[in-house]
Amino acid sequence: MTVASQLVDVASASSLFGTPSNYREKATMWRVFSTTVIHGFLPAGRIFRWFALNLPMDLLTGSSEFTSDIDIVSRLRPYNGQWTYKTWEVKVSLICKDGSARSLKRGKVRDTVKQLKAYRAFGSPEVALLDVYVCESGYLSRHRFPPDEVVQAIRAKQDALVQFGFGYQILPIEYRDGGDMDVGLRLLRGTRNNMPFNPAFDSLPCTPGEVREPFTRFAKRIGDFFEAERYEPKHKCFRQIVFCRECRTLGLIHTRSRSSCPHCGVDLIVQS
């Protein structure tokens, strides 16, 4: 699992390592999807039609059984294949300069599996865990990834997830320190599956299933919104679908935009 620490610098960002824990997962997802290279490797060789962050399961589905959020949901396909859907639960851990780790959630593997089972019960055909490791500035240039403490946590998750056919992807990132503020991200350069640069490690593949209700209605609502809103010829960058809990509306924003609702301006990251 060890990969040489050759680094690729990515565009500007605010600090993830110093973000309060209650906002860290949302802030990390927002930052990861603003990085163009992630769009080529997170879907594991497939292409996105659309993707959305932090959407409630009961979004116009009429479901009272499923009321939690899906961290990431996407429509995607192989280059010459059929469209399908994939959902990710996102967990974020921290790795300090000295190699020590924080927020590994080793005692919460059962809870994570329970969350993934809820995605599957909701009707998602592919369900995966995205484990993001936010490294303190300077770690990746001095140390190997993953450190021993993280290896143990990864193996425990692999053992639990493989039993249920859940996918597992691992993404180490590091912010660049520019004095009192962060000026960008660094991604670990590695080689997997003969690809020259793959910042996300595909630890376990998903076992595909059938798309079912109420996920079918949920995905159709998102897809209909995207197709109605997506045309904007002046802008060539990726866009993501978001949901504002303040004005209860879907929005389509550029991945490099500020984390605010395009309708009411409320910060989407700090919403509960």
C-alpha atoms as a PDB file:
ATOM      1  CA  MET A   1       0.000   0.000   0.000  1.00  0.00           C
ATOM      2  CA  THR A   2       2.976   2.285   0.422  1.00  0.00           C
ATOM      3  CA  VAL A   3       3.433   4.772  -2.392  1.00  0.00           C
ATOM      4  CA  ALA A   4       6.386   7.073  -3.017  1.00  0.00           C
ATOM      5  CA  SER A   5       5.644  10.639  -1.984  1.00  0.00           C
ATOM      6  CA  GLN A   6       5.786  12.392  -5.338  1.00  0.00           C
ATOM      7  CA  LEU A   7       3.478  15.388  -5.187  1.00  0.00           C
ATOM      8  CA  VAL A   8       1.236  17.280  -7.558  1.00  0.00           C
ATOM      9  CA  ASP A   9       0.124  20.775  -6.522  1.00  0.00           C
ATOM     10  CA  VAL A  10      -3.525  21.694  -7.024  1.00  0.00           C
ATOM     11  CA  ALA A  11      -5.426  24.984  -7.011  1.00  0.00           C
ATOM     12  CA  SER A  12      -5.962  27.296  -4.025  1.00  0.00           C
ATOM     13  CA  ALA A  13      -7.966  26.204  -0.985  1.00  0.00           C
ATOM     14  CA  SER A  14      -8.649  27.121   2.595  1.00  0.00           C
ATOM     15  CA  SER A  15      -7.364  24.919   5.386  1.00  0.00           C
ATOM     16  CA  LEU A  16      -9.005  21.546   5.888  1.00  0.00           C
ATOM     17  CA  PHE A  17      -6.687  20.409   8.660  1.00  0.00           C
ATOM     18  CA  GLY A  18      -7.823  23.247  10.907  1.00  0.00           C
ATOM     19  CA  THR A  19     -11.538  23.032  10.095  1.00  0.00           C
ATOM     20  CA  PRO A  20     -13.770  22.291  13.139  1.00  0.00           C
ATOM     21  CA  SER A  21     -14.696  18.596  13.255  1.00  0.00           C
ATOM     22  CA  ASN A  22     -18.440  19.194  12.854  1.00  0.00           C
ATOM     23  CA  TYR A  23     -17.854  20.870   9.466  1.00  0.00           C
ATOM     24  CA  ARG A  24     -14.787  18.930   8.307  1.00  0.00           C
ATOM     25  CA  GLU A  25     -16.505  16.263   6.196  1.00  0.00           C
ATOM     26  CA  LYS A  26     -18.600  18.772   4.274  1.00  0.00           C
ATOM     27  CA  ALA A  27     -15.645  21.128   3.793  1.00  0.00           C
ATOM     28  CA  THR A  28     -13.475  18.238   2.598  1.00  0.00           C
ATOM     29  CA  MET A  29     -16.048  17.031   0.059  1.00  0.00           C
ATOM     30  CA  TRP A  30     -16.402  20.567  -1.236  1.00  0.00           C
ATOM     31  CA  ARG A  31     -12.643  20.931  -1.650  1.00  0.00           C
ATOM     32  CA  VAL A  32     -12.105  17.486  -3.191  1.00  0.00           C
ATOM     33  CA  PHE A  33     -14.674  18.087  -5.920  1.00  0.00           C
ATOM     34  CA  SER A  34     -13.150  21.459  -6.809  1.00  0.00           C
ATOM     35  CA  THR A  35     -10.015  19.560  -7.873  1.00  0.00           C
ATOM     36  CA  THR A  36     -10.306  18.653 -11.544  1.00  0.00           C
ATOM     37  CA  VAL A  37      -8.103  15.533 -11.403  1.00  0.00           C
ATOM     38  CA  ILE A  38     -10.472  13.915  -8.904  1.00  0.00           C
ATOM     39  CA  HIS A  39     -13.188  13.750 -11.554  1.00  0.00           C
ATOM     40  CA  GLY A  40     -11.092  11.318 -13.560  1.00  0.00           C
ATOM     41  CA  PHE A  41     -10.223   8.913 -10.761  1.00  0.00           C
ATOM     42  CA  LEU A  42     -12.940   8.935  -8.121  1.00  0.00           C
ATOM     43  CA  PRO A  43     -15.376   7.196 -10.530  1.00  0.00           C
ATOM     44  CA  ALA A  44     -12.692   4.522 -11.169  1.00  0.00           C
ATOM     45  CA  GLY A  45     -12.399   4.820 -14.927  1.00  0.00           C
ATOM     46  CA  ARG A  46     -15.971   5.907 -15.588  1.00  0.00           C
ATOM     47  CA  ILE A  47     -17.366   9.344 -16.403  1.00  0.00           C
ATOM     48  CA  PHE A  48     -19.833  11.460 -14.444  1.00  0.00           C
ATOM     49  CA  ARG A  49     -23.057  12.720 -15.960  1.00  0.00           C
ATOM     50  CA  TRP A  50     -23.783  14.575 -12.749  1.00  0.00           C
ATOM     51  CA  PHE A  51     -22.936  14.414  -9.060  1.00  0.00           C
ATOM     52  CA  ALA A  52     -24.457  15.935  -5.956  1.00  0.00           C
ATOM     53  CA  LEU A  53     -23.286  16.574  -2.401  1.00  0.00           C
ATOM     54  CA  ASN A  54     -25.161  16.234   0.893  1.00  0.00           C
ATOM     55  CA  LEU A  55     -28.659  15.558  -0.370  1.00  0.00           C
ATOM     56  CA  PRO A  56     -31.438  14.404   1.994  1.00  0.00           C
ATOM     57  CA  MET A  57     -32.878  10.994   1.157  1.00  0.00           C
ATOM     58  CA  ASP A  58     -36.439  12.269   1.555  1.00  0.00           C
ATOM     59  CA  LEU A  59     -35.956  14.825  -1.229  1.00  0.00           C
ATOM     60  CA  LEU A  60     -39.419  14.696  -2.859  1.00  0.00           C
ATOM     61  CA  THR A  61     -39.542  10.901  -2.496  1.00  0.00           C
ATOM     62  CA  GLY A  62     -42.360  10.848   0.023  1.00  0.00           C
ATOM     63  CA  SER A  63     -40.278   8.497   2.173  1.00  0.00           C
ATOM     64  CA  SER A  64     -40.642   8.647   5.933  1.00  0.00           C
ATOM     65  CA  GLU A  65     -38.350   5.654   6.484  1.00  0.00           C
ATOM     66  CA  PHE A  66     -35.232   7.238   4.958  1.00  0.00           C
ATOM     67  CA  THR A  67     -34.494  10.680   6.366  1.00  0.00           C
ATOM     68  CA  SER A  68     -30.694  10.909   6.606  1.00  0.00           C
ATOM     69  CA  ASP A  69     -28.343  12.455   4.036  1.00  0.00           C
ATOM     70  CA  ILE A  70     -26.309  10.910   1.216  1.00  0.00           C
ATOM     71  CA  ASP A  71     -22.831  12.423   1.196  1.00  0.00           C
ATOM     72  CA  ILE A  72     -22.196  11.973  -2.546  1.00  0.00           C
ATOM     73  CA  VAL A  73     -24.506  10.610  -5.229  1.00  0.00           C
ATOM     74  CA  SER A  74     -23.661  10.436  -8.921  1.00  0.00           C
ATOM     75  CA  ARG A  75     -24.850   9.201 -12.278  1.00  0.00           C
ATOM     76  CA  LEU A  76     -21.943   7.656 -14.174  1.00  0.00           C
ATOM     77  CA  ARG A  77     -21.011   5.099 -16.802  1.00  0.00           C
ATOM     78  CA  PRO A  78     -18.060   3.458 -18.542  1.00  0.00           C
ATOM     79  CA  TYR A  79     -17.049   5.226 -21.758  1.00  0.00           C
ATOM     80  CA  ASN A  80     -19.003   2.719 -23.867  1.00  0.00           C
ATOM     81  CA  GLY A  81     -21.424   1.356 -21.289  1.00  0.00           C
ATOM     82  CA  GLN A  82     -24.773   1.911 -19.614  1.00  0.00           C
ATOM     83  CA  TRP A  83     -25.549   4.645 -17.128  1.00  0.00           C
ATOM     84  CA  THR A  84     -25.834   3.678 -13.469  1.00  0.00           C
ATOM     85  CA  TYR A  85     -25.677   5.338 -10.063  1.00  0.00           C
ATOM     86  CA  LYS A  86     -23.183   5.289  -7.233  1.00  0.00           C
ATOM     87  CA  THR A  87     -23.305   6.683  -3.704  1.00  0.00           C
ATOM     88  CA  TRP A  88     -20.459   7.367  -1.287  1.00  0.00           C
ATOM     89  CA  GLU A  89     -20.359   7.784   2.458  1.00  0.00           C
ATOM     90  CA  VAL A  90     -17.413  10.071   3.287  1.00  0.00           C
ATOM     91  CA  LYS A  91     -15.210   9.802   6.362  1.00  0.00           C
ATOM     92  CA  VAL A  92     -12.343  12.183   7.113  1.00  0.00           C
ATOM     93  CA  SER A  93      -9.290  11.509   9.288  1.00  0.00           C
ATOM     94  CA  LEU A  94      -6.263  13.685  10.033  1.00  0.00           C
ATOM     95  CA  ILE A  95      -2.576  12.803   9.828  1.00  0.00           C
ATOM     96  CA  CYS A  96      -0.160  15.093  11.661  1.00  0.00           C
ATOM     97  CA  LYS A  97       3.350  16.023  10.522  1.00  0.00           C
ATOM     98  CA  ASP A  98       4.880  13.482  12.900  1.00  0.00           C
ATOM     99  CA  GLY A  99       2.795  10.622  11.446  1.00  0.00           C
ATOM    100  CA  SER A 100       0.290  10.409  14.295  1.00  0.00           C
ATOM    101  CA  ALA A 101      -3.370  10.187  13.310  1.00  0.00           C
ATOM    102  CA  ARG A 102      -6.550  11.757  14.646  1.00  0.00           C
ATOM    103  CA  SER A 103     -10.235  10.989  14.099  1.00  0.00           C
ATOM    104  CA  LEU A 104      -9.574   7.480  12.746  1.00  0.00           C
ATOM    105  CA  LYS A 105     -12.947   6.315  14.079  1.00  0.00           C
ATOM    106  CA  ARG A 106     -11.606   2.808  14.706  1.00  0.00           C
ATOM    107  CA  GLY A 107     -14.427   2.085  17.116  1.00  0.00           C
ATOM    108  CA  LYS A 108     -17.087   3.217  14.661  1.00  0.00           C
ATOM    109  CA  VAL A 109     -16.645   0.712  11.823  1.00  0.00           C
ATOM    110  CA  ARG A 110     -19.982  -0.897  12.701  1.00  0.00           C
ATOM    111  CA  ASP A 111     -21.701   2.488  12.508  1.00  0.00           C
ATOM    112  CA  THR A 112     -20.128   3.106   9.095  1.00  0.00           C
ATOM    113  CA  VAL A 113     -21.359  -0.259   7.801  1.00  0.00           C
ATOM    114  CA  LYS A 114     -24.825   0.590   9.122  1.00  0.00           C
ATOM    115  CA  GLN A 115     -24.797   3.861   7.149  1.00  0.00           C
ATOM    116  CA  LEU A 116     -23.756   2.045   3.972  1.00  0.00           C
ATOM    117  CA  LYS A 117     -26.494  -0.547   4.499  1.00  0.00           C
ATOM    118  CA  ALA A 118     -28.989   2.328   4.697  1.00  0.00           C
ATOM    119  CA  TYR A 119     -27.802   3.584   1.290  1.00  0.00           C
ATOM    120  CA  ARG A 120     -28.342   0.103  -0.140  1.00  0.00           C
ATOM    121  CA  ALA A 121     -31.738  -0.311   1.514  1.00  0.00           C
ATOM    122  CA  PHE A 122     -32.691   3.052   0.004  1.00  0.00           C
ATOM    123  CA  GLY A 123     -32.119   1.448  -3.416  1.00  0.00           C
ATOM    124  CA  SER A 124     -28.679   2.652  -4.499  1.00  0.00           C
ATOM    125  CA  PRO A 125     -27.141   0.063  -6.862  1.00  0.00           C
ATOM    126  CA  GLU A 126     -23.505   0.820  -5.922  1.00  0.00           C
ATOM    127  CA  VAL A 127     -22.431   1.867  -2.435  1.00  0.00           C
ATOM    128  CA  ALA A 128     -18.932   2.797  -1.335  1.00  0.00           C
ATOM    129  CA  LEU A 129     -16.927   4.353   1.488  1.00  0.00           C
ATOM    130  CA  LEU A 130     -14.583   7.219   0.582  1.00  0.00           C
ATOM    131  CA  ASP A 131     -11.913   7.511   3.260  1.00  0.00           C
ATOM    132  CA  VAL A 132     -10.185  10.892   2.987  1.00  0.00           C
ATOM    133  CA  TYR A 133      -6.950  11.415   4.921  1.00  0.00           C
ATOM    134  CA  VAL A 134      -6.160  15.106   5.350  1.00  0.00           C
ATOM    135  CA  CYS A 135      -2.441  15.410   6.026  1.00  0.00           C
ATOM    136  CA  GLU A 136      -0.818  18.307   7.834  1.00  0.00           C
ATOM    137  CA  SER A 137       1.400  20.470   5.638  1.00  0.00           C
ATOM    138  CA  GLY A 138       4.769  18.789   5.078  1.00  0.00           C
ATOM    139  CA  TYR A 139       3.734  15.208   5.865  1.00  0.00           C
ATOM    140  CA  LEU A 140       3.645  13.747   2.345  1.00  0.00           C
ATOM    141  CA  SER A 141       7.064  15.102   1.400  1.00  0.00           C
ATOM    142  CA  ARG A 142       8.710  13.541   4.470  1.00  0.00           C
ATOM    143  CA  HIS A 143       6.850  10.296   5.124  1.00  0.00           C
ATOM    144  CA  ARG A 144       5.282   7.340   3.363  1.00  0.00           C
ATOM    145  CA  PHE A 145       1.556   6.887   3.186  1.00  0.00           C
ATOM    146  CA  PRO A 146      -0.146   5.278   4.977  1.00  0.00           C
ATOM    147  CA  PRO A 147       1.579   5.283   8.397  1.00  0.00           C
ATOM    148  CA  ASP A 148       1.325   2.076  10.439  1.00  0.00           C
ATOM    149  CA  GLU A 149      -1.504   3.373  12.614  1.00  0.00           C
ATOM    150  CA  VAL A 150      -3.601   4.123   9.534  1.00  0.00           C
ATOM    151  CA  VAL A 151      -2.778   0.743   7.930  1.00  0.00           C
ATOM    152  CA  GLN A 152      -4.435  -0.992  10.884  1.00  0.00           C
ATOM    153  CA  ALA A 153      -7.552   1.177  10.573  1.00  0.00           C
ATOM    154  CA  ILE A 154      -7.755   0.559   6.807  1.00  0.00           C
ATOM    155  CA  ARG A 155      -7.492  -3.207   7.237  1.00  0.00           C
ATOM    156  CA  ALA A 156     -10.276  -3.208   9.824  1.00  0.00           C
ATOM    157  CA  LYS A 157     -12.539  -1.361   7.390  1.00  0.00           C
ATOM    158  CA  GLN A 158     -11.601  -3.645   4.498  1.00  0.00           C
ATOM    159  CA  ASP A 159     -12.510  -6.718   6.551  1.00  0.00           C
ATOM    160  CA  ALA A 160     -15.902  -5.240   7.452  1.00  0.00           C
ATOM    161  CA  LEU A 161     -16.820  -3.821   4.033  1.00  0.00           C
ATOM    162  CA  VAL A 162     -15.854  -6.801   1.872  1.00  0.00           C
ATOM    163  CA  GLN A 163     -18.448  -8.988   3.619  1.00  0.00           C
ATOM    164  CA  PHE A 164     -21.264  -6.849   2.188  1.00  0.00           C
ATOM    165  CA  GLY A 165     -19.855  -5.980  -1.230  1.00  0.00           C
ATOM    166  CA  PHE A 166     -19.318  -2.317  -0.390  1.00  0.00           C
ATOM    167  CA  GLY A 167     -16.669  -0.405  -2.312  1.00  0.00           C
ATOM    168  CA  TYR A 168     -13.773   1.303  -0.555  1.00  0.00           C
ATOM    169  CA  GLN A 169     -11.651   4.172  -1.867  1.00  0.00           C
ATOM    170  CA  ILE A 170      -8.821   5.929  -0.055  1.00  0.00           C
ATOM    171  CA  LEU A 171      -7.761   9.491  -0.824  1.00  0.00           C
ATOM    172  CA  PRO A 172      -4.788  11.159   0.917  1.00  0.00           C
ATOM    173  CA  ILE A 173      -4.563  14.941   0.465  1.00  0.00           C
ATOM    174  CA  GLU A 174      -2.414  17.656   2.007  1.00  0.00           C
ATOM    175  CA  TYR A 175      -2.852  21.400   2.130  1.00  0.00           C
ATOM    176  CA  ARG A 176       0.102  23.609   1.285  1.00  0.00           C
ATOM    177  CA  ASP A 177       1.074  25.957   4.066  1.00  0.00           C
ATOM    178  CA  GLY A 178       1.565  29.588   3.032  1.00  0.00           C
ATOM    179  CA  GLY A 179       2.278  31.215   6.362  1.00  0.00           C
ATOM    180  CA  ASP A 180      -0.985  31.931   8.167  1.00  0.00           C
ATOM    181  CA  MET A 181      -3.151  30.502   5.403  1.00  0.00           C
ATOM    182  CA  ASP A 182      -3.281  27.524   3.079  1.00  0.00           C
ATOM    183  CA  VAL A 183      -2.623  28.144  -0.585  1.00  0.00           C
ATOM    184  CA  GLY A 184      -3.594  24.823  -2.136  1.00  0.00           C
ATOM    185  CA  LEU A 185      -3.760  21.045  -1.961  1.00  0.00           C
ATOM    186  CA  ARG A 186      -1.243  18.343  -2.687  1.00  0.00           C
ATOM    187  CA  LEU A 187      -2.246  14.940  -3.977  1.00  0.00           C
ATOM    188  CA  LEU A 188      -0.163  11.819  -3.711  1.00  0.00           C
ATOM    189  CA  ARG A 189       1.178  10.567  -7.013  1.00  0.00           C
ATOM    190  CA  GLY A 190       1.009   6.805  -7.440  1.00  0.00           C
ATOM    191  CA  THR A 191       0.546   4.108 -10.037  1.00  0.00           C
ATOM    192  CA  ARG A 192      -2.418   1.767  -9.976  1.00  0.00           C
ATOM    193  CA  ASN A 193      -3.876  -0.297 -12.801  1.00  0.00           C
ATOM    194  CA  ASN A 194      -1.182   1.028 -15.165  1.00  0.00           C
ATOM    195  CA  MET A 195      -2.399   4.596 -14.671  1.00  0.00           C
ATOM    196  CA  PRO A 196       0.463   7.108 -14.321  1.00  0.00           C
ATOM    197  CA  PHE A 197      -1.356   9.310 -11.802  1.00  0.00           C
ATOM    198  CA  ASN A 198      -4.071   8.100  -9.500  1.00  0.00           C
ATOM    199  CA  PRO A 199      -4.619  10.083  -6.291  1.00  0.00           C
ATOM    200  CA  ALA A 200      -7.479   7.827  -5.123  1.00  0.00           C
ATOM    201  CA  PHE A 201      -6.694   4.208  -4.253  1.00  0.00           C
ATOM    202  CA  ASP A 202      -9.418   1.716  -5.137  1.00  0.00           C
ATOM    203  CA  SER A 203      -9.109  -0.611  -2.179  1.00  0.00           C
ATOM    204  CA  LEU A 204     -12.315  -2.613  -2.752  1.00  0.00           C
ATOM    205  CA  PRO A 205     -14.657  -2.673  -5.767  1.00  0.00           C
ATOM    206  CA  CYS A 206     -18.420  -2.327  -5.372  1.00  0.00           C
ATOM    207  CA  THR A 207     -20.631  -5.338  -5.944  1.00  0.00           C
ATOM    208  CA  PRO A 208     -23.323  -3.866  -8.240  1.00  0.00           C
ATOM    209  CA  GLY A 209     -26.984  -4.387  -7.438  1.00  0.00           C
ATOM    210  CA  GLU A 210     -30.313  -3.285  -8.860  1.00  0.00           C
ATOM    211  CA  VAL A 211     -31.556   0.274  -8.590  1.00  0.00           C
ATOM    212  CA  ARG A 212     -34.762   0.277  -6.518  1.00  0.00           C
ATOM    213  CA  GLU A 213     -37.358   2.594  -5.046  1.00  0.00           C
ATOM    214  CA  PRO A 214     -37.306   5.081  -3.445  1.00  0.00           C
ATOM    215  CA  PHE A 215     -33.820   5.759  -4.852  1.00  0.00           C
ATOM    216  CA  THR A 216     -35.248   5.606  -8.401  1.00  0.00           C
ATOM    217  CA  ARG A 217     -37.535   8.592  -7.729  1.00  0.00           C
ATOM    218  CA  PHE A 218     -34.764  10.373  -5.833  1.00  0.00           C
ATOM    219  CA  ALA A 219     -32.302  10.003  -8.739  1.00  0.00           C
ATOM    220  CA  LYS A 220     -34.921  10.974 -11.334  1.00  0.00           C
ATOM    221  CA  ARG A 221     -35.670  14.192  -9.440  1.00  0.00           C
ATOM    222  CA  ILE A 222     -31.974  15.093  -9.394  1.00  0.00           C
ATOM    223  CA  GLY A 223     -31.448  14.127 -13.038  1.00  0.00           C
ATOM    224  CA  ASP A 224     -34.461  16.112 -14.231  1.00  0.00           C
ATOM    225  CA  PHE A 225     -33.180  19.152 -12.368  1.00  0.00           C
ATOM    226  CA  PHE A 226     -29.685  18.783 -13.838  1.00  0.00           C
ATOM    227  CA  GLU A 227     -30.875  18.406 -17.428  1.00  0.00           C
ATOM    228  CA  ALA A 228     -33.106  21.484 -17.086  1.00  0.00           C
ATOM    229  CA  GLU A 229     -30.351  23.632 -15.586  1.00  0.00           C
ATOM    230  CA  ARG A 230     -27.067  22.379 -17.008  1.00  0.00           C
ATOM    231  CA  TYR A 231     -26.730  24.397 -20.253  1.00  0.00           C
ATOM    232  CA  GLU A 232     -24.376  27.329 -19.701  1.00  0.00           C
ATOM    233  CA  PRO A 233     -22.068  27.756 -22.712  1.00  0.00           C
ATOM    234  CA  LYS A 234     -19.874  30.476 -21.185  1.00  0.00           C
ATOM    235  CA  HIS A 235     -18.578  28.118 -18.503  1.00  0.00           C
ATOM    236  CA  LYS A 236     -16.627  24.965 -19.289  1.00  0.00           C
ATOM    237  CA  CYS A 237     -15.876  23.695 -15.768  1.00  0.00           C
ATOM    238  CA  PHE A 238     -17.555  20.952 -13.734  1.00  0.00           C
ATOM    239  CA  ARG A 239     -20.672  21.796 -11.782  1.00  0.00           C
ATOM    240  CA  GLN A 240     -22.198  20.096  -8.770  1.00  0.00           C
ATOM    241  CA  ILE A 241     -25.743  19.785  -7.477  1.00  0.00           C
ATOM    242  CA  VAL A 242     -26.382  21.052  -3.953  1.00  0.00           C
ATOM    243  CA  PHE A 243     -29.380  21.363  -1.647  1.00  0.00           C
ATOM    244  CA  CYS A 244     -30.043  24.327   0.628  1.00  0.00           C
ATOM    245  CA  ARG A 245     -31.866  23.562   3.853  1.00  0.00           C
ATOM    246  CA  GLU A 246     -32.654  27.246   4.354  1.00  0.00           C
ATOM    247  CA  CYS A 247     -34.666  27.847   1.173  1.00  0.00           C
ATOM    248  CA  ARG A 248     -35.319  24.111   0.492  1.00  0.00           C
ATOM    249  CA  THR A 249     -34.165  24.236  -3.122  1.00  0.00           C
ATOM    250  CA  LEU A 250     -31.707  22.418  -5.354  1.00  0.00           C
ATOM    251  CA  GLY A 251     -28.929  24.445  -6.923  1.00  0.00           C
ATOM    252  CA  LEU A 252     -26.284  23.879  -9.604  1.00  0.00           C
ATOM    253  CA  ILE A 253     -22.986  25.631  -8.942  1.00  0.00           C
ATOM    254  CA  HIS A 254     -19.461  25.542 -10.318  1.00  0.00           C
ATOM    255  CA  THR A 255     -17.148  23.254  -8.351  1.00  0.00           C
ATOM    256  CA  ARG A 256     -14.756  26.139  -7.733  1.00  0.00           C
ATOM    257  CA  SER A 257     -17.485  28.436  -6.411  1.00  0.00           C
ATOM    258  CA  ARG A 258     -17.810  29.570  -2.817  1.00  0.00           C
ATOM    259  CA  SER A 259     -19.886  27.256  -0.635  1.00  0.00           C
ATOM    260  CA  SER A 260     -23.021  29.377  -0.681  1.00  0.00           C
ATOM    261  CA  CYS A 261     -26.545  28.752  -1.912  1.00  0.00           C
ATOM    262  CA  PRO A 262     -27.035  30.243  -5.401  1.00  0.00           C
ATOM    263  CA  HIS A 263     -30.568  31.298  -4.407  1.00  0.00           C
ATOM    264  CA  CYS A 264     -30.394  32.707  -0.854  1.00  0.00           C
ATOM    265  CA  GLY A 265     -26.642  32.995  -0.261  1.00  0.00           C
ATOM    266  CA  VAL A 266     -26.526  30.896   2.933  1.00  0.00           C
ATOM    267  CA  ASP A 267     -23.280  28.975   3.599  1.00  0.00           C
ATOM    268  CA  LEU A 268     -24.023  25.354   2.663  1.00  0.00           C
ATOM    269  CA  ILE A 269     -21.175  23.860   4.700  1.00  0.00           C
ATOM    270  CA  VAL A 270     -22.322  25.155   8.083  1.00  0.00           C
ATOM    271  CA  GLN A 271     -25.938  24.043   7.589  1.00  0.00           C
ATOM    272  CA  SER A 272     -26.923  21.213   9.908  1.00  0.00           C
END
